[in-house]
Amino acid sequence: DLGSALDKLECVAQKKMAITVPAGPVPAFDTRLMEYLGRVAPPNRIDAEAIGILAAKGRHPELSYIVCERPMRFDSLDYAKSELLRLAGKEPLDDRESDLFERYLTEHFKIIDQGGATVYQLDYTLTAHWAFIVWTKDA
């Protein structure tokens, strides 16, 4: 419950509060992979919800955004598969999704030689958007 969490923060803070929340799809999912599998990534705009709650309380929050790009590089193909599977959602893959998942791996993982070491890397970078929200009690 975001409203309760913000209230608790205001109870313990002296004057100024700050939070960082997702400003788009949750970084725990790879929306590109999920769409490929026919899954729907959970919508997430916690930043908008937090701003709305604070505005309703008469606060005037400052908002800035942080963009984090995460290249997906792994030392082994097994580790790469397990991490990508984790980003596909919490539900186990059914037979159709398992076939699609294997095809996705073939299409999107490339093998890179880094000074004699083999690295497996996705051919795209995962991007997470975060909202940094700051406000004061006496706003």
C-alpha atoms as a PDB file:
ATOM      1  CA  ASP A   1       0.000   0.000   0.000  1.00  0.00           C
ATOM      2  CA  LEU A   2       1.905   3.015  -1.300  1.00  0.00           C
ATOM      3  CA  GLY A   3      -0.191   5.541   0.623  1.00  0.00           C
ATOM      4  CA  SER A   4       0.556   3.844   3.948  1.00  0.00           C
ATOM      5  CA  ALA A   5       4.244   3.590   3.079  1.00  0.00           C
ATOM      6  CA  LEU A   6       4.420   7.317   2.312  1.00  0.00           C
ATOM      7  CA  ASP A   7       2.598   8.115   5.571  1.00  0.00           C
ATOM      8  CA  LYS A   8       5.104   6.000   7.535  1.00  0.00           C
ATOM      9  CA  LEU A   9       7.986   7.779   5.847  1.00  0.00           C
ATOM     10  CA  GLU A  10       6.543  11.163   6.793  1.00  0.00           C
ATOM     11  CA  CYS A  11       6.135  10.007  10.412  1.00  0.00           C
ATOM     12  CA  VAL A  12       9.841   9.251  10.816  1.00  0.00           C
ATOM     13  CA  ALA A  13      11.362  11.947   8.605  1.00  0.00           C
ATOM     14  CA  GLN A  14      12.404  15.245  10.134  1.00  0.00           C
ATOM     15  CA  LYS A  15      11.683  17.523   7.185  1.00  0.00           C
ATOM     16  CA  LYS A  16      12.591  16.129   3.769  1.00  0.00           C
ATOM     17  CA  MET A  17      11.728  12.801   2.169  1.00  0.00           C
ATOM     18  CA  ALA A  18      12.917  11.058  -0.996  1.00  0.00           C
ATOM     19  CA  ILE A  19      11.946   7.844  -2.729  1.00  0.00           C
ATOM     20  CA  THR A  20      12.978   6.101  -5.916  1.00  0.00           C
ATOM     21  CA  VAL A  21      10.282   4.056  -7.652  1.00  0.00           C
ATOM     22  CA  PRO A  22       9.840   2.441 -11.069  1.00  0.00           C
ATOM     23  CA  ALA A  23       8.644   4.856 -13.759  1.00  0.00           C
ATOM     24  CA  GLY A  24       7.571   2.266 -16.274  1.00  0.00           C
ATOM     25  CA  PRO A  25       7.712  -1.497 -16.548  1.00  0.00           C
ATOM     26  CA  VAL A  26       9.130  -3.163 -13.465  1.00  0.00           C
ATOM     27  CA  PRO A  27      12.862  -3.811 -13.991  1.00  0.00           C
ATOM     28  CA  ALA A  28      12.311  -7.415 -12.893  1.00  0.00           C
ATOM     29  CA  PHE A  29      10.756  -8.160 -16.306  1.00  0.00           C
ATOM     30  CA  ASP A  30      11.986  -8.089 -19.892  1.00  0.00           C
ATOM     31  CA  THR A  31       8.913  -6.727 -21.661  1.00  0.00           C
ATOM     32  CA  ARG A  32      10.368  -7.505 -25.083  1.00  0.00           C
ATOM     33  CA  LEU A  33      10.749 -11.183 -24.157  1.00  0.00           C
ATOM     34  CA  MET A  34       7.348 -11.291 -22.490  1.00  0.00           C
ATOM     35  CA  GLU A  35       5.643  -9.903 -25.595  1.00  0.00           C
ATOM     36  CA  TYR A  36       7.498 -12.453 -27.746  1.00  0.00           C
ATOM     37  CA  LEU A  37       6.134 -15.218 -25.504  1.00  0.00           C
ATOM     38  CA  GLY A  38       2.625 -13.759 -25.670  1.00  0.00           C
ATOM     39  CA  ARG A  39       2.678 -12.652 -22.059  1.00  0.00           C
ATOM     40  CA  VAL A  40       1.618  -9.285 -20.743  1.00  0.00           C
ATOM     41  CA  ALA A  41       4.082  -7.388 -18.581  1.00  0.00           C
ATOM     42  CA  PRO A  42       2.408  -5.861 -15.557  1.00  0.00           C
ATOM     43  CA  PRO A  43       1.748  -2.166 -16.108  1.00  0.00           C
ATOM     44  CA  ASN A  44       3.572  -0.051 -13.636  1.00  0.00           C
ATOM     45  CA  ARG A  45       3.629   3.670 -13.100  1.00  0.00           C
ATOM     46  CA  ILE A  46       4.281   3.841  -9.380  1.00  0.00           C
ATOM     47  CA  ASP A  47       5.720   7.312  -9.956  1.00  0.00           C
ATOM     48  CA  ALA A  48       2.372   8.669 -11.139  1.00  0.00           C
ATOM     49  CA  GLU A  49       0.581   6.991  -8.234  1.00  0.00           C
ATOM     50  CA  ALA A  50       3.064   8.445  -5.708  1.00  0.00           C
ATOM     51  CA  ILE A  51       2.792  11.947  -7.179  1.00  0.00           C
ATOM     52  CA  GLY A  52      -1.015  11.697  -7.028  1.00  0.00           C
ATOM     53  CA  ILE A  53      -1.001  10.584  -3.395  1.00  0.00           C
ATOM     54  CA  LEU A  54       1.405  13.346  -2.398  1.00  0.00           C
ATOM     55  CA  ALA A  55      -0.551  16.000  -4.316  1.00  0.00           C
ATOM     56  CA  ALA A  56      -3.764  14.887  -2.590  1.00  0.00           C
ATOM     57  CA  LYS A  57      -1.974  15.438   0.746  1.00  0.00           C
ATOM     58  CA  GLY A  58      -1.084  18.990  -0.286  1.00  0.00           C
ATOM     59  CA  ARG A  59       2.577  18.226  -0.975  1.00  0.00           C
ATOM     60  CA  HIS A  60       4.502  19.634  -3.932  1.00  0.00           C
ATOM     61  CA  PRO A  61       6.974  16.908  -4.886  1.00  0.00           C
ATOM     62  CA  GLU A  62       9.980  17.461  -7.107  1.00  0.00           C
ATOM     63  CA  LEU A  63      10.415  14.797  -9.742  1.00  0.00           C
ATOM     64  CA  SER A  64      13.431  13.728 -11.762  1.00  0.00           C
ATOM     65  CA  TYR A  65      14.127  10.608 -13.749  1.00  0.00           C
ATOM     66  CA  ILE A  66      17.024   8.191 -13.807  1.00  0.00           C
ATOM     67  CA  VAL A  67      17.591   5.922 -16.788  1.00  0.00           C
ATOM     68  CA  CYS A  68      19.603   2.756 -16.176  1.00  0.00           C
ATOM     69  CA  GLU A  69      20.800   0.681 -19.083  1.00  0.00           C
ATOM     70  CA  ARG A  70      21.752  -2.862 -18.277  1.00  0.00           C
ATOM     71  CA  PRO A  71      23.640  -4.860 -20.887  1.00  0.00           C
ATOM     72  CA  MET A  72      22.887  -8.517 -20.331  1.00  0.00           C
ATOM     73  CA  ARG A  73      26.235 -10.388 -20.337  1.00  0.00           C
ATOM     74  CA  PHE A  74      26.792 -13.823 -18.845  1.00  0.00           C
ATOM     75  CA  ASP A  75      29.745 -16.173 -18.367  1.00  0.00           C
ATOM     76  CA  SER A  76      27.752 -19.283 -19.265  1.00  0.00           C
ATOM     77  CA  LEU A  77      24.805 -20.097 -21.458  1.00  0.00           C
ATOM     78  CA  ASP A  78      23.064 -21.893 -18.582  1.00  0.00           C
ATOM     79  CA  TYR A  79      23.309 -18.791 -16.398  1.00  0.00           C
ATOM     80  CA  ALA A  80      22.109 -16.624 -19.296  1.00  0.00           C
ATOM     81  CA  LYS A  81      19.079 -18.879 -19.778  1.00  0.00           C
ATOM     82  CA  SER A  82      18.201 -18.893 -16.079  1.00  0.00           C
ATOM     83  CA  GLU A  83      18.417 -15.105 -15.814  1.00  0.00           C
ATOM     84  CA  LEU A  84      16.371 -14.532 -18.949  1.00  0.00           C
ATOM     85  CA  LEU A  85      13.806 -17.069 -17.765  1.00  0.00           C
ATOM     86  CA  ARG A  86      13.504 -15.128 -14.502  1.00  0.00           C
ATOM     87  CA  LEU A  87      12.785 -11.971 -16.544  1.00  0.00           C
ATOM     88  CA  ALA A  88       9.968 -13.743 -18.428  1.00  0.00           C
ATOM     89  CA  GLY A  89       7.600 -13.582 -15.450  1.00  0.00           C
ATOM     90  CA  LYS A  90       6.750 -15.631 -12.414  1.00  0.00           C
ATOM     91  CA  GLU A  91       4.604 -18.271 -14.100  1.00  0.00           C
ATOM     92  CA  PRO A  92       6.354 -21.381 -15.464  1.00  0.00           C
ATOM     93  CA  LEU A  93       6.576 -21.612 -19.253  1.00  0.00           C
ATOM     94  CA  ASP A  94       4.116 -23.912 -20.982  1.00  0.00           C
ATOM     95  CA  ASP A  95       5.207 -26.065 -23.943  1.00  0.00           C
ATOM     96  CA  ARG A  96       4.457 -23.372 -26.539  1.00  0.00           C
ATOM     97  CA  GLU A  97       6.301 -20.730 -24.516  1.00  0.00           C
ATOM     98  CA  SER A  98       9.259 -23.066 -23.961  1.00  0.00           C
ATOM     99  CA  ASP A  99       9.645 -23.504 -27.721  1.00  0.00           C
ATOM    100  CA  LEU A 100       9.403 -19.755 -28.240  1.00  0.00           C
ATOM    101  CA  PHE A 101      11.899 -19.163 -25.428  1.00  0.00           C
ATOM    102  CA  GLU A 102      14.489 -21.429 -27.050  1.00  0.00           C
ATOM    103  CA  ARG A 103      13.965 -19.668 -30.390  1.00  0.00           C
ATOM    104  CA  TYR A 104      14.333 -16.304 -28.658  1.00  0.00           C
ATOM    105  CA  LEU A 105      17.649 -17.385 -27.142  1.00  0.00           C
ATOM    106  CA  THR A 106      18.916 -18.430 -30.562  1.00  0.00           C
ATOM    107  CA  GLU A 107      17.799 -15.147 -32.128  1.00  0.00           C
ATOM    108  CA  HIS A 108      18.974 -12.746 -29.432  1.00  0.00           C
ATOM    109  CA  PHE A 109      22.039 -14.175 -27.696  1.00  0.00           C
ATOM    110  CA  LYS A 110      25.387 -13.675 -29.322  1.00  0.00           C
ATOM    111  CA  ILE A 111      28.656 -15.256 -28.313  1.00  0.00           C
ATOM    112  CA  ILE A 112      31.502 -12.820 -27.721  1.00  0.00           C
ATOM    113  CA  ASP A 113      35.171 -13.569 -27.191  1.00  0.00           C
ATOM    114  CA  GLN A 114      36.497 -11.262 -24.482  1.00  0.00           C
ATOM    115  CA  GLY A 115      40.217 -11.853 -24.245  1.00  0.00           C
ATOM    116  CA  GLY A 116      39.921 -15.606 -24.522  1.00  0.00           C
ATOM    117  CA  ALA A 117      36.812 -15.870 -22.341  1.00  0.00           C
ATOM    118  CA  THR A 118      33.459 -16.694 -23.883  1.00  0.00           C
ATOM    119  CA  VAL A 119      30.633 -14.341 -22.946  1.00  0.00           C
ATOM    120  CA  TYR A 120      26.966 -14.672 -23.864  1.00  0.00           C
ATOM    121  CA  GLN A 121      25.215 -11.365 -24.447  1.00  0.00           C
ATOM    122  CA  LEU A 122      21.743 -10.279 -25.451  1.00  0.00           C
ATOM    123  CA  ASP A 123      21.738  -8.253 -28.651  1.00  0.00           C
ATOM    124  CA  TYR A 124      19.837  -5.445 -26.897  1.00  0.00           C
ATOM    125  CA  THR A 125      20.160  -3.597 -23.615  1.00  0.00           C
ATOM    126  CA  LEU A 126      17.486  -3.670 -20.934  1.00  0.00           C
ATOM    127  CA  THR A 127      16.504  -0.181 -19.859  1.00  0.00           C
ATOM    128  CA  ALA A 128      14.881   0.687 -16.550  1.00  0.00           C
ATOM    129  CA  HIS A 129      13.362   4.080 -15.828  1.00  0.00           C
ATOM    130  CA  TRP A 130      13.263   5.240 -12.237  1.00  0.00           C
ATOM    131  CA  ALA A 131      11.556   8.262 -10.726  1.00  0.00           C
ATOM    132  CA  PHE A 132      13.340  10.126  -7.947  1.00  0.00           C
ATOM    133  CA  ILE A 133      10.710  11.987  -5.915  1.00  0.00           C
ATOM    134  CA  VAL A 134      11.584  14.514  -3.201  1.00  0.00           C
ATOM    135  CA  TRP A 135       9.224  16.514  -0.998  1.00  0.00           C
ATOM    136  CA  THR A 136       9.063  18.290   2.334  1.00  0.00           C
ATOM    137  CA  LYS A 137       6.425  18.172   5.061  1.00  0.00           C
ATOM    138  CA  ASP A 138       5.862  21.912   5.015  1.00  0.00           C
ATOM    139  CA  ALA A 139       5.260  22.156   1.258  1.00  0.00           C
END
